[in-house]
Amino acid sequence: MNEIITDRVAAKVRKQFGPHAERACFLIEETAARVFSQDRIKIGGAEAERLLAAVLIASAADIKRLPTVLRLTELDWRDLLVETRLACDNSKMLAKSYFDEL
């Protein structure tokens, strides 16, 4: 799809948000671009994917909840990782398995 929203992430967004997937991708990409740049998170890397997994988990496939989750991401994405249990040592593996279960 693009550098921030990889094909794997886009597939998960389509599955979760259905008819709202395009809007969800736009909102996620817009926020992620700012957060990744500000905190020097490598686009396409495991850390970026872990953060995107946290956004999708926290949004619970609810397009109305997504903006709130994205605001939390911008305030302090580490809190989002804690909330979604992706702040632990094996979190990169958990994030990978989250996207693998399509």
Protein backbone atom coordinates (compact mmCIF):
# COMPACT_ATOMS: atom_id res chain seq x y z
CA MET A 1 0.00 0.00 0.00
CA ASN A 2 2.62 2.58 1.12
CA GLU A 3 5.60 2.81 3.40
CA ILE A 4 3.68 3.36 6.65
CA ILE A 5 0.65 1.18 5.99
CA THR A 6 2.19 -2.03 4.72
CA ASP A 7 0.15 -4.61 2.82
CA ARG A 8 -0.06 -6.71 5.98
CA VAL A 9 -1.34 -3.81 8.09
CA ALA A 10 -3.76 -2.76 5.32
CA ALA A 11 -5.20 -6.28 5.19
CA LYS A 12 -5.87 -6.17 8.93
CA VAL A 13 -7.43 -2.70 8.64
CA ARG A 14 -9.73 -3.93 5.84
CA LYS A 15 -10.74 -6.93 7.93
CA GLN A 16 -11.45 -4.85 11.02
CA PHE A 17 -13.00 -1.72 9.54
CA GLY A 18 -14.71 -3.08 6.42
CA PRO A 19 -16.41 -0.18 4.62
CA HIS A 20 -14.50 2.33 6.78
CA ALA A 21 -11.07 0.87 5.94
CA GLU A 22 -10.00 3.66 3.60
CA ARG A 23 -10.81 6.33 6.20
CA ALA A 24 -9.11 4.28 8.94
CA CYS A 25 -5.95 3.89 6.84
CA PHE A 26 -5.87 7.62 6.17
CA LEU A 27 -6.22 8.51 9.87
CA ILE A 28 -3.67 5.92 10.96
CA GLU A 29 -1.16 6.94 8.31
CA GLU A 30 -1.53 10.64 9.12
CA THR A 31 -0.90 10.08 12.84
CA ALA A 32 1.80 7.46 12.40
CA ALA A 33 3.80 9.71 10.07
CA ARG A 34 3.97 12.38 12.78
CA VAL A 35 4.71 9.95 15.62
CA PHE A 36 7.32 7.96 13.69
CA SER A 37 9.11 11.14 12.63
CA GLN A 38 9.02 12.73 16.06
CA ASP A 39 10.23 9.64 17.91
CA ARG A 40 12.53 8.35 15.16
CA ILE A 41 10.66 5.08 14.74
CA LYS A 42 11.81 3.26 11.61
CA ILE A 43 8.99 3.03 9.09
CA GLY A 44 8.35 -0.60 8.19
CA GLY A 45 10.32 -1.89 11.15
CA ALA A 46 9.16 -4.15 13.96
CA GLU A 47 8.66 -1.20 16.33
CA ALA A 48 6.40 0.55 13.82
CA GLU A 49 4.36 -2.60 13.27
CA ARG A 50 4.03 -3.13 17.02
CA LEU A 51 2.67 0.39 17.41
CA LEU A 52 0.21 -0.07 14.53
CA ALA A 53 -0.94 -3.36 16.07
CA ALA A 54 -1.57 -1.53 19.35
CA VAL A 55 -3.65 1.09 17.52
CA LEU A 56 -5.76 -1.59 15.86
CA ILE A 57 -6.20 -3.59 19.06
CA ALA A 58 -7.18 -0.52 21.10
CA SER A 59 -9.62 0.73 18.47
CA ALA A 60 -11.51 -2.57 18.68
CA ALA A 61 -12.59 -2.25 15.01
CA ASP A 62 -14.64 0.85 15.90
CA ILE A 63 -14.12 3.76 13.50
CA LYS A 64 -15.64 6.13 16.08
CA ARG A 65 -13.09 5.04 18.70
CA LEU A 66 -10.12 5.28 16.34
CA PRO A 67 -9.58 9.08 16.65
CA THR A 68 -9.42 8.76 20.45
CA VAL A 69 -6.86 5.97 20.16
CA LEU A 70 -4.82 8.04 17.72
CA ARG A 71 -4.84 11.03 20.08
CA LEU A 72 -3.50 8.77 22.84
CA THR A 73 -0.86 7.55 20.39
CA GLU A 74 0.27 11.12 19.78
CA LEU A 75 0.26 12.01 23.48
CA ASP A 76 2.35 9.02 24.53
CA TRP A 77 2.37 5.88 22.41
CA ARG A 78 4.10 3.99 25.22
CA ASP A 79 0.87 4.20 27.24
CA LEU A 80 -0.94 2.63 24.31
CA LEU A 81 1.57 -0.23 24.23
CA VAL A 82 0.99 -0.83 27.95
CA GLU A 83 -2.80 -0.68 27.54
CA THR A 84 -2.72 -3.27 24.77
CA ARG A 85 -0.11 -5.45 26.51
CA LEU A 86 2.43 -4.86 23.76
CA ALA A 87 4.99 -3.26 26.06
CA CYS A 88 6.47 -6.55 27.27
CA ASP A 89 9.66 -8.29 26.15
CA ASN A 90 7.93 -10.60 23.68
CA SER A 91 5.72 -7.85 22.27
CA LYS A 92 7.34 -7.79 18.82
CA MET A 93 6.49 -11.47 18.46
CA LEU A 94 2.93 -10.79 19.69
CA ALA A 95 2.50 -7.96 17.18
CA LYS A 96 3.79 -10.16 14.36
CA SER A 97 1.35 -12.94 15.29
CA TYR A 98 -1.49 -10.39 15.44
CA PHE A 99 -0.98 -9.55 11.76
CA ASP A 100 -0.37 -13.19 10.83
CA GLU A 101 -3.85 -14.24 11.97
CA LEU A 102 -5.69 -12.97 8.93
